[in-house]
Amino acid sequence: MILQILPPDFYEAETNSVFLITAIAFILVTVGLIYKRSVMKRNIKKKLVQAKEKIQLKRYKEMMNNKVNFSFEEIISLQEWHTNFSLTK
């Protein structure tokens, strides 16, 4: 009964709006997933840098306590690293 009352253009308009809403939802979900992935990559990079700094700091402390024998190049590089690390914190 209702289908006979409504003009044929109504169904076309409804189909187009459903398609448009679906397309917009797909785009938003895609952008959200890309953003989430970039945030995860950024967090992983931060954790890697923190882990490297922690290892370097541990090696520097060992060197300062003379627990481990380091080569001359390692001593210089660790001292340079500690100077740069201290300036950035």
C-alpha atoms as a PDB file:
ATOM      1  CA  MET A   1       0.000   0.000   0.000  1.00  0.00           C
ATOM      2  CA  ILE A   2       2.636   2.526   1.066  1.00  0.00           C
ATOM      3  CA  LEU A   3       4.960   1.497  -1.762  1.00  0.00           C
ATOM      4  CA  GLN A   4       2.360   2.457  -4.342  1.00  0.00           C
ATOM      5  CA  ILE A   5       1.857   5.914  -2.823  1.00  0.00           C
ATOM      6  CA  LEU A   6       5.508   6.988  -2.835  1.00  0.00           C
ATOM      7  CA  PRO A   7       7.020   8.153  -6.143  1.00  0.00           C
ATOM      8  CA  PRO A   8       9.911   6.172  -7.725  1.00  0.00           C
ATOM      9  CA  ASP A   9      12.365   9.050  -7.146  1.00  0.00           C
ATOM     10  CA  PHE A  10      12.004   8.547  -3.392  1.00  0.00           C
ATOM     11  CA  TYR A  11      13.599   5.091  -3.532  1.00  0.00           C
ATOM     12  CA  GLU A  12      16.497   6.390  -5.623  1.00  0.00           C
ATOM     13  CA  ALA A  13      17.146   9.208  -3.161  1.00  0.00           C
ATOM     14  CA  GLU A  14      17.030   6.794  -0.227  1.00  0.00           C
ATOM     15  CA  THR A  15      19.477   4.415  -1.918  1.00  0.00           C
ATOM     16  CA  ASN A  16      21.863   7.297  -2.691  1.00  0.00           C
ATOM     17  CA  SER A  17      21.779   8.563   0.894  1.00  0.00           C
ATOM     18  CA  VAL A  18      22.449   5.060   2.265  1.00  0.00           C
ATOM     19  CA  PHE A  19      25.380   4.731  -0.135  1.00  0.00           C
ATOM     20  CA  LEU A  20      26.694   8.146   0.902  1.00  0.00           C
ATOM     21  CA  ILE A  21      26.428   7.342   4.623  1.00  0.00           C
ATOM     22  CA  THR A  22      28.169   3.993   4.064  1.00  0.00           C
ATOM     23  CA  ALA A  23      30.976   5.669   2.100  1.00  0.00           C
ATOM     24  CA  ILE A  24      31.501   8.316   4.797  1.00  0.00           C
ATOM     25  CA  ALA A  25      31.539   5.658   7.528  1.00  0.00           C
ATOM     26  CA  PHE A  26      34.104   3.625   5.575  1.00  0.00           C
ATOM     27  CA  ILE A  27      36.342   6.667   5.131  1.00  0.00           C
ATOM     28  CA  LEU A  28      36.130   7.559   8.834  1.00  0.00           C
ATOM     29  CA  VAL A  29      36.971   4.011   9.909  1.00  0.00           C
ATOM     30  CA  THR A  30      39.926   3.897   7.495  1.00  0.00           C
ATOM     31  CA  VAL A  31      41.287   7.227   8.740  1.00  0.00           C
ATOM     32  CA  GLY A  32      40.844   6.066  12.338  1.00  0.00           C
ATOM     33  CA  LEU A  33      42.756   2.850  11.721  1.00  0.00           C
ATOM     34  CA  ILE A  34      45.591   4.706   9.986  1.00  0.00           C
ATOM     35  CA  TYR A  35      45.798   7.176  12.882  1.00  0.00           C
ATOM     36  CA  LYS A  36      45.808   4.349  15.438  1.00  0.00           C
ATOM     37  CA  ARG A  37      48.630   2.612  13.592  1.00  0.00           C
ATOM     38  CA  SER A  38      50.720   5.792  13.463  1.00  0.00           C
ATOM     39  CA  VAL A  39      50.207   6.368  17.190  1.00  0.00           C
ATOM     40  CA  MET A  40      51.256   2.782  17.924  1.00  0.00           C
ATOM     41  CA  LYS A  41      54.409   3.203  15.805  1.00  0.00           C
ATOM     42  CA  ARG A  42      55.226   6.454  17.596  1.00  0.00           C
ATOM     43  CA  ASN A  43      54.813   4.793  21.012  1.00  0.00           C
ATOM     44  CA  ILE A  44      57.028   1.881  19.987  1.00  0.00           C
ATOM     45  CA  LYS A  45      59.733   4.291  18.825  1.00  0.00           C
ATOM     46  CA  LYS A  46      59.536   6.182  22.140  1.00  0.00           C
ATOM     47  CA  LYS A  47      59.879   2.943  24.101  1.00  0.00           C
ATOM     48  CA  LEU A  48      62.888   1.903  22.010  1.00  0.00           C
ATOM     49  CA  VAL A  49      64.601   5.236  22.633  1.00  0.00           C
ATOM     50  CA  GLN A  50      63.876   4.978  26.365  1.00  0.00           C
ATOM     51  CA  ALA A  51      65.267   1.442  26.470  1.00  0.00           C
ATOM     52  CA  LYS A  52      68.434   2.518  24.649  1.00  0.00           C
ATOM     53  CA  GLU A  53      68.876   5.450  27.035  1.00  0.00           C
ATOM     54  CA  LYS A  54      68.405   3.151  30.021  1.00  0.00           C
ATOM     55  CA  ILE A  55      71.042   0.738  28.709  1.00  0.00           C
ATOM     56  CA  GLN A  56      73.447   3.594  27.988  1.00  0.00           C
ATOM     57  CA  LEU A  57      72.899   5.048  31.461  1.00  0.00           C
ATOM     58  CA  LYS A  58      73.534   1.659  33.043  1.00  0.00           C
ATOM     59  CA  ARG A  59      76.775   1.272  31.081  1.00  0.00           C
ATOM     60  CA  TYR A  60      77.820   4.799  32.059  1.00  0.00           C
ATOM     61  CA  LYS A  61      77.227   4.040  35.751  1.00  0.00           C
ATOM     62  CA  GLU A  62      79.202   0.795  35.450  1.00  0.00           C
ATOM     63  CA  MET A  63      82.045   2.705  33.854  1.00  0.00           C
ATOM     64  CA  MET A  64      81.999   5.329  36.591  1.00  0.00           C
ATOM     65  CA  ASN A  65      82.092   2.592  39.265  1.00  0.00           C
ATOM     66  CA  ASN A  66      84.920   0.805  37.395  1.00  0.00           C
ATOM     67  CA  LYS A  67      83.043  -2.500  37.461  1.00  0.00           C
ATOM     68  CA  VAL A  68      83.738  -3.181  33.815  1.00  0.00           C
ATOM     69  CA  ASN A  69      86.819  -2.517  31.736  1.00  0.00           C
ATOM     70  CA  PHE A  70      85.885  -0.377  28.779  1.00  0.00           C
ATOM     71  CA  SER A  71      87.959   0.524  25.795  1.00  0.00           C
ATOM     72  CA  PHE A  72      89.084   4.114  25.410  1.00  0.00           C
ATOM     73  CA  GLU A  73      86.608   4.696  22.535  1.00  0.00           C
ATOM     74  CA  GLU A  74      83.697   3.381  24.622  1.00  0.00           C
ATOM     75  CA  ILE A  75      84.636   5.635  27.537  1.00  0.00           C
ATOM     76  CA  ILE A  76      84.732   8.706  25.278  1.00  0.00           C
ATOM     77  CA  SER A  77      81.442   7.805  23.561  1.00  0.00           C
ATOM     78  CA  LEU A  78      79.691   7.122  26.890  1.00  0.00           C
ATOM     79  CA  GLN A  79      80.941  10.398  28.353  1.00  0.00           C
ATOM     80  CA  GLU A  80      79.750  12.280  25.267  1.00  0.00           C
ATOM     81  CA  TRP A  81      76.415  10.499  25.458  1.00  0.00           C
ATOM     82  CA  HIS A  82      76.027  11.359  29.153  1.00  0.00           C
ATOM     83  CA  THR A  83      76.817  15.010  28.458  1.00  0.00           C
ATOM     84  CA  ASN A  84      74.202  15.141  25.679  1.00  0.00           C
ATOM     85  CA  PHE A  85      71.723  13.162  27.776  1.00  0.00           C
ATOM     86  CA  SER A  86      72.164  15.528  30.737  1.00  0.00           C
ATOM     87  CA  LEU A  87      71.624  18.569  28.539  1.00  0.00           C
ATOM     88  CA  THR A  88      68.385  17.209  27.053  1.00  0.00           C
ATOM     89  CA  LYS A  89      66.786  16.222  30.374  1.00  0.00           C
END
